[in-house]
């Protein structure tokens, strides 16, 4: 995911949105740090500090092609990490199990119940 930002008028900002930059007052003092998750009470105080717009973080989802490329990179890396292990062999069950757990974790799959 790629994070970007946009300046939104305070009236369009909703609770739960995230600041992309530090929020400074007119004197340059930090009111809220970067990454702050905004609440209703925080938004209510903006007018008191003369703030009309806020830098809000937005997240862009990767395309299907980018997701597929990322999965392929992860599988290639797992192949490098376990290059001495044959995934189809039953002789080294512990390494095969570890490989499966690492693969599930890196690809974001829930581990299978045994």
PDB file of N, CA and C in Angstrom:
ATOM      1  N   UNK A   1       0.832  -1.176   0.000  1.00  0.00           N
ATOM      2  CA  UNK A   1       0.000   0.000   0.000  1.00  0.00           C
ATOM      3  C   UNK A   1       0.879   1.243   0.000  1.00  0.00           C
ATOM      4  N   UNK A   2       0.441   2.213  -0.720  1.00  0.00           N
ATOM      5  CA  UNK A   2       1.169   3.468  -0.798  1.00  0.00           C
ATOM      6  C   UNK A   2       0.368   4.536  -0.072  1.00  0.00           C
ATOM      7  N   UNK A   3       1.045   5.243   0.822  1.00  0.00           N
ATOM      8  CA  UNK A   3       0.367   6.298   1.567  1.00  0.00           C
ATOM      9  C   UNK A   3       0.630   7.636   0.900  1.00  0.00           C
ATOM     10  N   UNK A   4      -0.409   8.418   0.739  1.00  0.00           N
ATOM     11  CA  UNK A   4      -0.310   9.776   0.231  1.00  0.00           C
ATOM     12  C   UNK A   4      -1.114  10.648   1.181  1.00  0.00           C
ATOM     13  N   UNK A   5      -1.271  11.910   0.839  1.00  0.00           N
ATOM     14  CA  UNK A   5      -2.073  12.762   1.703  1.00  0.00           C
ATOM     15  C   UNK A   5      -2.855  13.756   0.869  1.00  0.00           C
ATOM     16  N   UNK A   6      -3.833  14.355   1.528  1.00  0.00           N
ATOM     17  CA  UNK A   6      -4.615  15.420   0.921  1.00  0.00           C
ATOM     18  C   UNK A   6      -4.998  16.401   2.018  1.00  0.00           C
ATOM     19  N   UNK A   7      -5.079  17.661   1.668  1.00  0.00           N
ATOM     20  CA  UNK A   7      -5.528  18.675   2.620  1.00  0.00           C
ATOM     21  C   UNK A   7      -7.042  18.768   2.514  1.00  0.00           C
ATOM     22  N   UNK A   8      -7.703  18.522   3.638  1.00  0.00           N
ATOM     23  CA  UNK A   8      -9.162  18.582   3.668  1.00  0.00           C
ATOM     24  C   UNK A   8      -9.622  19.680   4.607  1.00  0.00           C
ATOM     25  N   UNK A   9     -10.690  20.384   4.240  1.00  0.00           N
ATOM     26  CA  UNK A   9     -11.272  21.331   5.191  1.00  0.00           C
ATOM     27  C   UNK A   9     -11.728  20.580   6.437  1.00  0.00           C
ATOM     28  N   UNK A  10     -11.634  21.228   7.584  1.00  0.00           N
ATOM     29  CA  UNK A  10     -11.976  20.584   8.853  1.00  0.00           C
ATOM     30  C   UNK A  10     -13.396  20.007   8.807  1.00  0.00           C
ATOM     31  N   UNK A  11     -14.313  20.668   8.124  1.00  0.00           N
ATOM     32  CA  UNK A  11     -15.687  20.181   8.034  1.00  0.00           C
ATOM     33  C   UNK A  11     -15.820  18.843   7.323  1.00  0.00           C
ATOM     34  N   UNK A  12     -14.844  18.483   6.485  1.00  0.00           N
ATOM     35  CA  UNK A  12     -14.892  17.215   5.754  1.00  0.00           C
ATOM     36  C   UNK A  12     -14.122  16.102   6.458  1.00  0.00           C
ATOM     37  N   UNK A  13     -13.360  16.458   7.488  1.00  0.00           N
ATOM     38  CA  UNK A  13     -12.573  15.475   8.212  1.00  0.00           C
ATOM     39  C   UNK A  13     -13.471  14.742   9.195  1.00  0.00           C
ATOM     40  N   UNK A  14     -13.299  13.424   9.266  1.00  0.00           N
ATOM     41  CA  UNK A  14     -14.107  12.598  10.163  1.00  0.00           C
ATOM     42  C   UNK A  14     -13.223  11.957  11.220  1.00  0.00           C
ATOM     43  N   UNK A  15     -13.826  11.632  12.349  1.00  0.00           N
ATOM     44  CA  UNK A  15     -13.101  10.915  13.400  1.00  0.00           C
ATOM     45  C   UNK A  15     -12.585   9.596  12.836  1.00  0.00           C
ATOM     46  N   UNK A  16     -11.378   9.240  13.216  1.00  0.00           N
ATOM     47  CA  UNK A  16     -10.764   8.010  12.718  1.00  0.00           C
ATOM     48  C   UNK A  16      -9.767   8.247  11.602  1.00  0.00           C
ATOM     49  N   UNK A  17      -9.817   9.425  10.976  1.00  0.00           N
ATOM     50  CA  UNK A  17      -8.837   9.744   9.945  1.00  0.00           C
ATOM     51  C   UNK A  17      -7.490  10.008  10.611  1.00  0.00           C
ATOM     52  N   UNK A  18      -6.415   9.890   9.825  1.00  0.00           N
ATOM     53  CA  UNK A  18      -5.059   9.964  10.361  1.00  0.00           C
ATOM     54  C   UNK A  18      -4.319  11.156   9.773  1.00  0.00           C
ATOM     55  N   UNK A  19      -3.614  11.904  10.645  1.00  0.00           N
ATOM     56  CA  UNK A  19      -2.797  13.032  10.179  1.00  0.00           C
ATOM     57  C   UNK A  19      -1.575  12.515   9.429  1.00  0.00           C
ATOM     58  N   UNK A  20      -1.311  13.078   8.262  1.00  0.00           N
ATOM     59  CA  UNK A  20      -0.146  12.664   7.489  1.00  0.00           C
ATOM     60  C   UNK A  20       1.107  13.430   7.905  1.00  0.00           C
ATOM     61  N   UNK A  21       0.958  14.579   8.560  1.00  0.00           N
ATOM     62  CA  UNK A  21       2.069  15.414   9.012  1.00  0.00           C
ATOM     63  C   UNK A  21       1.759  15.943  10.408  1.00  0.00           C
ATOM     64  N   UNK A  22       2.795  16.522  11.027  1.00  0.00           N
ATOM     65  CA  UNK A  22       2.554  17.186  12.308  1.00  0.00           C
ATOM     66  C   UNK A  22       1.584  18.340  12.100  1.00  0.00           C
ATOM     67  N   UNK A  23       0.764  18.586  13.094  1.00  0.00           N
ATOM     68  CA  UNK A  23      -0.153  19.720  13.049  1.00  0.00           C
ATOM     69  C   UNK A  23       0.420  20.807  13.938  1.00  0.00           C
ATOM     70  N   UNK A  24       0.738  21.959  13.338  1.00  0.00           N
ATOM     71  CA  UNK A  24       1.354  23.068  14.060  1.00  0.00           C
ATOM     72  C   UNK A  24       0.356  24.192  14.268  1.00  0.00           C
ATOM     73  N   UNK A  25       0.528  24.926  15.376  1.00  0.00           N
ATOM     74  CA  UNK A  25      -0.304  26.104  15.588  1.00  0.00           C
ATOM     75  C   UNK A  25       0.343  27.300  14.902  1.00  0.00           C
ATOM     76  N   UNK A  26      -0.228  28.498  15.057  1.00  0.00           N
ATOM     77  CA  UNK A  26       0.274  29.705  14.392  1.00  0.00           C
ATOM     78  C   UNK A  26       1.690  30.078  14.842  1.00  0.00           C
ATOM     79  N   UNK A  27       2.109  29.611  16.003  1.00  0.00           N
ATOM     80  CA  UNK A  27       3.434  29.925  16.535  1.00  0.00           C
ATOM     81  C   UNK A  27       4.460  28.841  16.229  1.00  0.00           C
ATOM     82  N   UNK A  28       4.060  27.810  15.502  1.00  0.00           N
ATOM     83  CA  UNK A  28       4.974  26.736  15.137  1.00  0.00           C
ATOM     84  C   UNK A  28       5.096  25.633  16.169  1.00  0.00           C
ATOM     85  N   UNK A  29       4.261  25.647  17.174  1.00  0.00           N
ATOM     86  CA  UNK A  29       4.281  24.594  18.188  1.00  0.00           C
ATOM     87  C   UNK A  29       3.448  23.408  17.698  1.00  0.00           C
ATOM     88  N   UNK A  30       3.925  22.214  18.035  1.00  0.00           N
ATOM     89  CA  UNK A  30       3.226  21.001  17.616  1.00  0.00           C
ATOM     90  C   UNK A  30       1.968  20.814  18.460  1.00  0.00           C
ATOM     91  N   UNK A  31       0.825  20.791  17.776  1.00  0.00           N
ATOM     92  CA  UNK A  31      -0.445  20.501  18.450  1.00  0.00           C
ATOM     93  C   UNK A  31      -0.698  19.003  18.492  1.00  0.00           C
ATOM     94  N   UNK A  32      -0.464  18.343  17.351  1.00  0.00           N
ATOM     95  CA  UNK A  32      -0.653  16.903  17.250  1.00  0.00           C
ATOM     96  C   UNK A  32       0.473  16.321  16.399  1.00  0.00           C
ATOM     97  N   UNK A  33       1.034  15.187  16.803  1.00  0.00           N
ATOM     98  CA  UNK A  33       2.107  14.582  16.019  1.00  0.00           C
ATOM     99  C   UNK A  33       1.587  13.874  14.768  1.00  0.00           C
ATOM    100  N   UNK A  34       2.497  13.633  13.848  1.00  0.00           N
ATOM    101  CA  UNK A  34       2.175  12.879  12.641  1.00  0.00           C
ATOM    102  C   UNK A  34       1.666  11.495  13.039  1.00  0.00           C
ATOM    103  N   UNK A  35       0.666  11.006  12.330  1.00  0.00           N
ATOM    104  CA  UNK A  35       0.128   9.681  12.600  1.00  0.00           C
ATOM    105  C   UNK A  35      -0.978   9.647  13.630  1.00  0.00           C
ATOM    106  N   UNK A  36      -1.360  10.798  14.151  1.00  0.00           N
ATOM    107  CA  UNK A  36      -2.430  10.850  15.147  1.00  0.00           C
ATOM    108  C   UNK A  36      -3.764  10.448  14.516  1.00  0.00           C
ATOM    109  N   UNK A  37      -4.479   9.559  15.193  1.00  0.00           N
ATOM    110  CA  UNK A  37      -5.826   9.201  14.770  1.00  0.00           C
ATOM    111  C   UNK A  37      -6.766  10.229  15.399  1.00  0.00           C
ATOM    112  N   UNK A  38      -7.450  10.977  14.549  1.00  0.00           N
ATOM    113  CA  UNK A  38      -8.285  12.082  15.019  1.00  0.00           C
ATOM    114  C   UNK A  38      -9.570  11.594  15.683  1.00  0.00           C
ATOM    115  N   UNK A  39      -9.966  12.308  16.729  1.00  0.00           N
ATOM    116  CA  UNK A  39     -11.211  12.015  17.437  1.00  0.00           C
ATOM    117  C   UNK A  39     -12.164  13.203  17.273  1.00  0.00           C
ATOM    118  N   UNK A  40     -13.414  13.004  17.648  1.00  0.00           N
ATOM    119  CA  UNK A  40     -14.406  14.079  17.577  1.00  0.00           C
ATOM    120  C   UNK A  40     -13.980  15.269  18.435  1.00  0.00           C
ATOM    121  N   UNK A  41     -13.451  15.007  19.627  1.00  0.00           N
ATOM    122  CA  UNK A  41     -13.054  16.103  20.505  1.00  0.00           C
ATOM    123  C   UNK A  41     -11.877  16.888  19.915  1.00  0.00           C
ATOM    124  N   UNK A  42     -10.957  16.216  19.257  1.00  0.00           N
ATOM    125  CA  UNK A  42      -9.846  16.920  18.607  1.00  0.00           C
ATOM    126  C   UNK A  42     -10.368  17.823  17.498  1.00  0.00           C
ATOM    127  N   UNK A  43     -11.283  17.293  16.703  1.00  0.00           N
ATOM    128  CA  UNK A  43     -11.836  18.067  15.587  1.00  0.00           C
ATOM    129  C   UNK A  43     -12.607  19.283  16.085  1.00  0.00           C
ATOM    130  N   UNK A  44     -13.265  19.150  17.229  1.00  0.00           N
ATOM    131  CA  UNK A  44     -14.027  20.266  17.786  1.00  0.00           C
ATOM    132  C   UNK A  44     -13.121  21.420  18.212  1.00  0.00           C
ATOM    133  N   UNK A  45     -11.870  21.125  18.547  1.00  0.00           N
ATOM    134  CA  UNK A  45     -10.934  22.161  19.004  1.00  0.00           C
ATOM    135  C   UNK A  45     -10.175  22.860  17.870  1.00  0.00           C
ATOM    136  N   UNK A  46     -10.325  22.419  16.645  1.00  0.00           N
ATOM    137  CA  UNK A  46      -9.563  22.985  15.523  1.00  0.00           C
ATOM    138  C   UNK A  46      -9.874  24.466  15.305  1.00  0.00           C
ATOM    139  N   UNK A  47     -11.125  24.852  15.349  1.00  0.00           N
ATOM    140  CA  UNK A  47     -11.496  26.259  15.123  1.00  0.00           C
ATOM    141  C   UNK A  47     -10.877  27.154  16.193  1.00  0.00           C
ATOM    142  N   UNK A  48     -10.782  26.664  17.401  1.00  0.00           N
ATOM    143  CA  UNK A  48     -10.193  27.437  18.499  1.00  0.00           C
ATOM    144  C   UNK A  48      -8.728  27.797  18.231  1.00  0.00           C
ATOM    145  N   UNK A  49      -8.050  26.949  17.471  1.00  0.00           N
ATOM    146  CA  UNK A  49      -6.655  27.193  17.126  1.00  0.00           C
ATOM    147  C   UNK A  49      -6.496  27.803  15.731  1.00  0.00           C
ATOM    148  N   UNK A  50      -7.597  28.157  15.099  1.00  0.00           N
ATOM    149  CA  UNK A  50      -7.550  28.800  13.787  1.00  0.00           C
ATOM    150  C   UNK A  50      -7.172  27.864  12.654  1.00  0.00           C
ATOM    151  N   UNK A  51      -7.429  26.601  12.815  1.00  0.00           N
ATOM    152  CA  UNK A  51      -7.075  25.619  11.786  1.00  0.00           C
ATOM    153  C   UNK A  51      -8.288  25.376  10.903  1.00  0.00           C
ATOM    154  N   UNK A  52      -8.091  25.573   9.599  1.00  0.00           N
ATOM    155  CA  UNK A  52      -9.186  25.429   8.650  1.00  0.00           C
ATOM    156  C   UNK A  52      -9.093  24.154   7.823  1.00  0.00           C
ATOM    157  N   UNK A  53      -7.861  23.618   7.649  1.00  0.00           N
ATOM    158  CA  UNK A  53      -7.668  22.406   6.850  1.00  0.00           C
ATOM    159  C   UNK A  53      -6.623  21.530   7.533  1.00  0.00           C
ATOM    160  N   UNK A  54      -6.724  20.230   7.287  1.00  0.00           N
ATOM    161  CA  UNK A  54      -5.813  19.271   7.904  1.00  0.00           C
ATOM    162  C   UNK A  54      -5.179  18.379   6.839  1.00  0.00           C
ATOM    163  N   UNK A  55      -3.892  18.012   7.026  1.00  0.00           N
ATOM    164  CA  UNK A  55      -3.266  17.053   6.112  1.00  0.00           C
ATOM    165  C   UNK A  55      -3.654  15.627   6.526  1.00  0.00           C
ATOM    166  N   UNK A  56      -4.460  14.986   5.726  1.00  0.00           N
ATOM    167  CA  UNK A  56      -5.003  13.668   6.059  1.00  0.00           C
ATOM    168  C   UNK A  56      -4.347  12.609   5.176  1.00  0.00           C
ATOM    169  N   UNK A  57      -3.888  11.521   5.818  1.00  0.00           N
ATOM    170  CA  UNK A  57      -3.268  10.408   5.095  1.00  0.00           C
ATOM    171  C   UNK A  57      -4.341   9.623   4.354  1.00  0.00           C
ATOM    172  N   UNK A  58      -4.045   9.258   3.128  1.00  0.00           N
ATOM    173  CA  UNK A  58      -4.917   8.394   2.343  1.00  0.00           C
ATOM    174  C   UNK A  58      -4.094   7.191   1.917  1.00  0.00           C
ATOM    175  N   UNK A  59      -4.733   6.054   1.789  1.00  0.00           N
ATOM    176  CA  UNK A  59      -4.040   4.821   1.437  1.00  0.00           C
ATOM    177  C   UNK A  59      -4.565   4.342   0.090  1.00  0.00           C
ATOM    178  N   UNK A  60      -3.639   4.036  -0.801  1.00  0.00           N
ATOM    179  CA  UNK A  60      -4.010   3.517  -2.116  1.00  0.00           C
ATOM    180  C   UNK A  60      -3.707   2.028  -2.149  1.00  0.00           C
ATOM    181  N   UNK A  61      -4.697   1.231  -2.494  1.00  0.00           N
ATOM    182  CA  UNK A  61      -4.513  -0.213  -2.592  1.00  0.00           C
ATOM    183  C   UNK A  61      -3.728  -0.541  -3.861  1.00  0.00           C
ATOM    184  N   UNK A  62      -2.788  -1.491  -3.772  1.00  0.00           N
ATOM    185  CA  UNK A  62      -2.049  -1.882  -4.973  1.00  0.00           C
ATOM    186  C   UNK A  62      -2.968  -2.594  -5.968  1.00  0.00           C
ATOM    187  N   UNK A  63      -2.602  -2.503  -7.239  1.00  0.00           N
ATOM    188  CA  UNK A  63      -3.393  -3.149  -8.284  1.00  0.00           C
ATOM    189  C   UNK A  63      -3.220  -4.664  -8.197  1.00  0.00           C
ATOM    190  N   UNK A  64      -4.054  -5.393  -8.929  1.00  0.00           N
ATOM    191  CA  UNK A  64      -3.959  -6.859  -8.961  1.00  0.00           C
ATOM    192  C   UNK A  64      -2.588  -7.301  -9.459  1.00  0.00           C
ATOM    193  N   UNK A  65      -2.059  -6.609 -10.460  1.00  0.00           N
ATOM    194  CA  UNK A  65      -0.749  -6.968 -11.004  1.00  0.00           C
ATOM    195  C   UNK A  65       0.350  -6.747  -9.957  1.00  0.00           C
ATOM    196  N   UNK A  66       0.254  -5.647  -9.200  1.00  0.00           N
ATOM    197  CA  UNK A  66       1.242  -5.378  -8.148  1.00  0.00           C
ATOM    198  C   UNK A  66       1.145  -6.410  -7.031  1.00  0.00           C
ATOM    199  N   UNK A  67      -0.071  -6.817  -6.690  1.00  0.00           N
ATOM    200  CA  UNK A  67      -0.247  -7.837  -5.667  1.00  0.00           C
ATOM    201  C   UNK A  67       0.332  -9.173  -6.120  1.00  0.00           C
ATOM    202  N   UNK A  68       0.080  -9.543  -7.379  1.00  0.00           N
ATOM    203  CA  UNK A  68       0.611 -10.801  -7.914  1.00  0.00           C
ATOM    204  C   UNK A  68       2.140 -10.775  -7.949  1.00  0.00           C
ATOM    205  N   UNK A  69       2.707  -9.642  -8.340  1.00  0.00           N
ATOM    206  CA  UNK A  69       4.173  -9.522  -8.359  1.00  0.00           C
ATOM    207  C   UNK A  69       4.738  -9.636  -6.947  1.00  0.00           C
ATOM    208  N   UNK A  70       4.056  -9.045  -5.978  1.00  0.00           N
ATOM    209  CA  UNK A  70       4.494  -9.143  -4.592  1.00  0.00           C
ATOM    210  C   UNK A  70       4.455 -10.576  -4.077  1.00  0.00           C
ATOM    211  N   UNK A  71       3.398 -11.318  -4.439  1.00  0.00           N
ATOM    212  CA  UNK A  71       3.311 -12.730  -4.043  1.00  0.00           C
ATOM    213  C   UNK A  71       4.442 -13.536  -4.668  1.00  0.00           C
ATOM    214  N   UNK A  72       4.725 -13.264  -5.934  1.00  0.00           N
ATOM    215  CA  UNK A  72       5.809 -13.985  -6.607  1.00  0.00           C
ATOM    216  C   UNK A  72       7.165 -13.685  -5.970  1.00  0.00           C
ATOM    217  N   UNK A  73       7.387 -12.431  -5.575  1.00  0.00           N
ATOM    218  CA  UNK A  73       8.630 -12.070  -4.886  1.00  0.00           C
ATOM    219  C   UNK A  73       8.734 -12.806  -3.555  1.00  0.00           C
ATOM    220  N   UNK A  74       7.631 -12.878  -2.819  1.00  0.00           N
ATOM    221  CA  UNK A  74       7.644 -13.581  -1.537  1.00  0.00           C
ATOM    222  C   UNK A  74       7.939 -15.067  -1.738  1.00  0.00           C
ATOM    223  N   UNK A  75       7.310 -15.692  -2.736  1.00  0.00           N
ATOM    224  CA  UNK A  75       7.550 -17.110  -2.996  1.00  0.00           C
ATOM    225  C   UNK A  75       8.989 -17.366  -3.429  1.00  0.00           C
ATOM    226  N   UNK A  76       9.541 -16.448  -4.228  1.00  0.00           N
ATOM    227  CA  UNK A  76      10.941 -16.596  -4.639  1.00  0.00           C
ATOM    228  C   UNK A  76      11.871 -16.485  -3.437  1.00  0.00           C
ATOM    229  N   UNK A  77      11.584 -15.553  -2.541  1.00  0.00           N
ATOM    230  CA  UNK A  77      12.410 -15.395  -1.338  1.00  0.00           C
ATOM    231  C   UNK A  77      12.313 -16.622  -0.436  1.00  0.00           C
ATOM    232  N   UNK A  78      11.124 -17.174  -0.294  1.00  0.00           N
ATOM    233  CA  UNK A  78      10.958 -18.388   0.508  1.00  0.00           C
ATOM    234  C   UNK A  78      11.726 -19.541  -0.130  1.00  0.00           C
ATOM    235  N   UNK A  79      11.703 -19.597  -1.445  1.00  0.00           N
ATOM    236  CA  UNK A  79      12.486 -20.617  -2.148  1.00  0.00           C
ATOM    237  C   UNK A  79      13.974 -20.484  -1.861  1.00  0.00           C
ATOM    238  N   UNK A  80      14.470 -19.245  -1.777  1.00  0.00           N
ATOM    239  CA  UNK A  80      15.879 -19.027  -1.441  1.00  0.00           C
ATOM    240  C   UNK A  80      16.170 -19.438  -0.002  1.00  0.00           C
ATOM    241  N   UNK A  81      15.277 -19.076   0.910  1.00  0.00           N
ATOM    242  CA  UNK A  81      15.486 -19.395   2.322  1.00  0.00           C
ATOM    243  C   UNK A  81      15.501 -20.900   2.575  1.00  0.00           C
ATOM    244  N   UNK A  82      14.666 -21.630   1.852  1.00  0.00           N
ATOM    245  CA  UNK A  82      14.544 -23.072   2.061  1.00  0.00           C
ATOM    246  C   UNK A  82      15.109 -23.852   0.865  1.00  0.00           C
ATOM    247  N   UNK A  83      16.174 -23.350   0.261  1.00  0.00           N
ATOM    248  CA  UNK A  83      16.711 -23.976  -0.950  1.00  0.00           C
ATOM    249  C   UNK A  83      17.227 -25.395  -0.720  1.00  0.00           C
ATOM    250  N   UNK A  84      17.557 -25.758   0.512  1.00  0.00           N
ATOM    251  CA  UNK A  84      18.045 -27.108   0.798  1.00  0.00           C
ATOM    252  C   UNK A  84      16.921 -28.068   1.148  1.00  0.00           C
ATOM    253  N   UNK A  85      15.698 -27.572   1.216  1.00  0.00           N
ATOM    254  CA  UNK A  85      14.566 -28.398   1.595  1.00  0.00           C
ATOM    255  C   UNK A  85      13.700 -28.707   0.399  1.00  0.00           C
ATOM    256  N   UNK A  86      13.382 -29.978   0.216  1.00  0.00           N
ATOM    257  CA  UNK A  86      12.458 -30.396  -0.832  1.00  0.00           C
ATOM    258  C   UNK A  86      11.054 -30.400  -0.228  1.00  0.00           C
ATOM    259  N   UNK A  87      10.167 -29.498  -0.665  1.00  0.00           N
ATOM    260  CA  UNK A  87       8.843 -29.412  -0.040  1.00  0.00           C
ATOM    261  C   UNK A  87       7.998 -30.675  -0.223  1.00  0.00           C
ATOM    262  N   UNK A  88       8.340 -31.509  -1.197  1.00  0.00           N
ATOM    263  CA  UNK A  88       7.564 -32.730  -1.449  1.00  0.00           C
ATOM    264  C   UNK A  88       8.107 -33.941  -0.714  1.00  0.00           C
ATOM    265  N   UNK A  89       9.239 -33.783  -0.032  1.00  0.00           N
ATOM    266  CA  UNK A  89       9.851 -34.894   0.688  1.00  0.00           C
ATOM    267  C   UNK A  89       9.278 -34.997   2.101  1.00  0.00           C
ATOM    268  N   UNK A  90       9.026 -36.234   2.542  1.00  0.00           N
ATOM    269  CA  UNK A  90       8.520 -36.466   3.894  1.00  0.00           C
ATOM    270  C   UNK A  90       9.636 -36.713   4.893  1.00  0.00           C
ATOM    271  N   UNK A  91      10.890 -36.709   4.446  1.00  0.00           N
ATOM    272  CA  UNK A  91      12.003 -37.051   5.332  1.00  0.00           C
ATOM    273  C   UNK A  91      12.310 -35.948   6.340  1.00  0.00           C
ATOM    274  N   UNK A  92      12.083 -34.684   5.988  1.00  0.00           N
ATOM    275  CA  UNK A  92      12.365 -33.569   6.902  1.00  0.00           C
ATOM    276  C   UNK A  92      11.065 -32.828   7.178  1.00  0.00           C
ATOM    277  N   UNK A  93      10.203 -33.462   7.978  1.00  0.00           N
ATOM    278  CA  UNK A  93       8.877 -32.922   8.234  1.00  0.00           C
ATOM    279  C   UNK A  93       8.924 -31.598   8.988  1.00  0.00           C
ATOM    280  N   UNK A  94       9.909 -31.416   9.871  1.00  0.00           N
ATOM    281  CA  UNK A  94       9.974 -30.182  10.668  1.00  0.00           C
ATOM    282  C   UNK A  94      10.262 -28.974   9.777  1.00  0.00           C
ATOM    283  N   UNK A  95      11.197 -29.122   8.857  1.00  0.00           N
ATOM    284  CA  UNK A  95      11.516 -28.019   7.957  1.00  0.00           C
ATOM    285  C   UNK A  95      10.356 -27.760   7.000  1.00  0.00           C
ATOM    286  N   UNK A  96       9.714 -28.825   6.553  1.00  0.00           N
ATOM    287  CA  UNK A  96       8.554 -28.660   5.669  1.00  0.00           C
ATOM    288  C   UNK A  96       7.430 -27.917   6.390  1.00  0.00           C
ATOM    289  N   UNK A  97       7.228 -28.226   7.666  1.00  0.00           N
ATOM    290  CA  UNK A  97       6.205 -27.538   8.454  1.00  0.00           C
ATOM    291  C   UNK A  97       6.567 -26.069   8.642  1.00  0.00           C
ATOM    292  N   UNK A  98       7.834 -25.802   8.958  1.00  0.00           N
ATOM    293  CA  UNK A  98       8.296 -24.422   9.105  1.00  0.00           C
ATOM    294  C   UNK A  98       8.123 -23.655   7.801  1.00  0.00           C
ATOM    295  N   UNK A  99       8.460 -24.291   6.693  1.00  0.00           N
ATOM    296  CA  UNK A  99       8.304 -23.639   5.381  1.00  0.00           C
ATOM    297  C   UNK A  99       6.846 -23.279   5.138  1.00  0.00           C
ATOM    298  N   UNK A 100       5.943 -24.192   5.479  1.00  0.00           N
ATOM    299  CA  UNK A 100       4.519 -23.920   5.273  1.00  0.00           C
ATOM    300  C   UNK A 100       4.046 -22.746   6.134  1.00  0.00           C
ATOM    301  N   UNK A 101       4.495 -22.710   7.394  1.00  0.00           N
ATOM    302  CA  UNK A 101       4.104 -21.602   8.265  1.00  0.00           C
ATOM    303  C   UNK A 101       4.673 -20.269   7.779  1.00  0.00           C
ATOM    304  N   UNK A 102       5.915 -20.272   7.327  1.00  0.00           N
ATOM    305  CA  UNK A 102       6.530 -19.044   6.814  1.00  0.00           C
ATOM    306  C   UNK A 102       5.797 -18.594   5.557  1.00  0.00           C
ATOM    307  N   UNK A 103       5.465 -19.523   4.693  1.00  0.00           N
ATOM    308  CA  UNK A 103       4.740 -19.190   3.466  1.00  0.00           C
ATOM    309  C   UNK A 103       3.366 -18.607   3.793  1.00  0.00           C
ATOM    310  N   UNK A 104       2.646 -19.245   4.703  1.00  0.00           N
ATOM    311  CA  UNK A 104       1.333 -18.732   5.097  1.00  0.00           C
ATOM    312  C   UNK A 104       1.449 -17.332   5.679  1.00  0.00           C
ATOM    313  N   UNK A 105       2.439 -17.112   6.524  1.00  0.00           N
ATOM    314  CA  UNK A 105       2.620 -15.800   7.159  1.00  0.00           C
ATOM    315  C   UNK A 105       2.953 -14.732   6.122  1.00  0.00           C
ATOM    316  N   UNK A 106       3.913 -15.017   5.264  1.00  0.00           N
ATOM    317  CA  UNK A 106       4.349 -14.013   4.280  1.00  0.00           C
ATOM    318  C   UNK A 106       3.291 -13.695   3.245  1.00  0.00           C
ATOM    319  N   UNK A 107       2.430 -14.655   2.936  1.00  0.00           N
ATOM    320  CA  UNK A 107       1.374 -14.416   1.958  1.00  0.00           C
ATOM    321  C   UNK A 107       0.078 -13.955   2.607  1.00  0.00           C
ATOM    322  N   UNK A 108       0.074 -13.868   3.941  1.00  0.00           N
ATOM    323  CA  UNK A 108      -1.089 -13.360   4.644  1.00  0.00           C
ATOM    324  C   UNK A 108      -2.225 -14.351   4.780  1.00  0.00           C
ATOM    325  N   UNK A 109      -1.920 -15.637   4.694  1.00  0.00           N
ATOM    326  CA  UNK A 109      -2.954 -16.670   4.856  1.00  0.00           C
ATOM    327  C   UNK A 109      -3.063 -17.059   6.319  1.00  0.00           C
ATOM    328  N   UNK A 110      -4.253 -17.433   6.723  1.00  0.00           N
ATOM    329  CA  UNK A 110      -4.430 -17.971   8.070  1.00  0.00           C
ATOM    330  C   UNK A 110      -3.846 -19.382   8.088  1.00  0.00           C
ATOM    331  N   UNK A 111      -3.101 -19.739   9.141  1.00  0.00           N
ATOM    332  CA  UNK A 111      -2.525 -21.092   9.168  1.00  0.00           C
ATOM    333  C   UNK A 111      -3.623 -22.154   9.237  1.00  0.00           C
ATOM    334  N   UNK A 112      -3.369 -23.257   8.564  1.00  0.00           N
ATOM    335  CA  UNK A 112      -4.344 -24.352   8.549  1.00  0.00           C
ATOM    336  C   UNK A 112      -4.310 -25.066   9.890  1.00  0.00           C
ATOM    337  N   UNK A 113      -5.493 -25.377  10.410  1.00  0.00           N
ATOM    338  CA  UNK A 113      -5.576 -26.131  11.666  1.00  0.00           C
ATOM    339  C   UNK A 113      -5.200 -27.571  11.404  1.00  0.00           C
ATOM    340  N   UNK A 114      -4.478 -28.144  12.339  1.00  0.00           N
ATOM    341  CA  UNK A 114      -4.058 -29.530  12.178  1.00  0.00           C
ATOM    342  C   UNK A 114      -4.862 -30.426  13.071  1.00  0.00           C
TER     343      UNK A 114
END
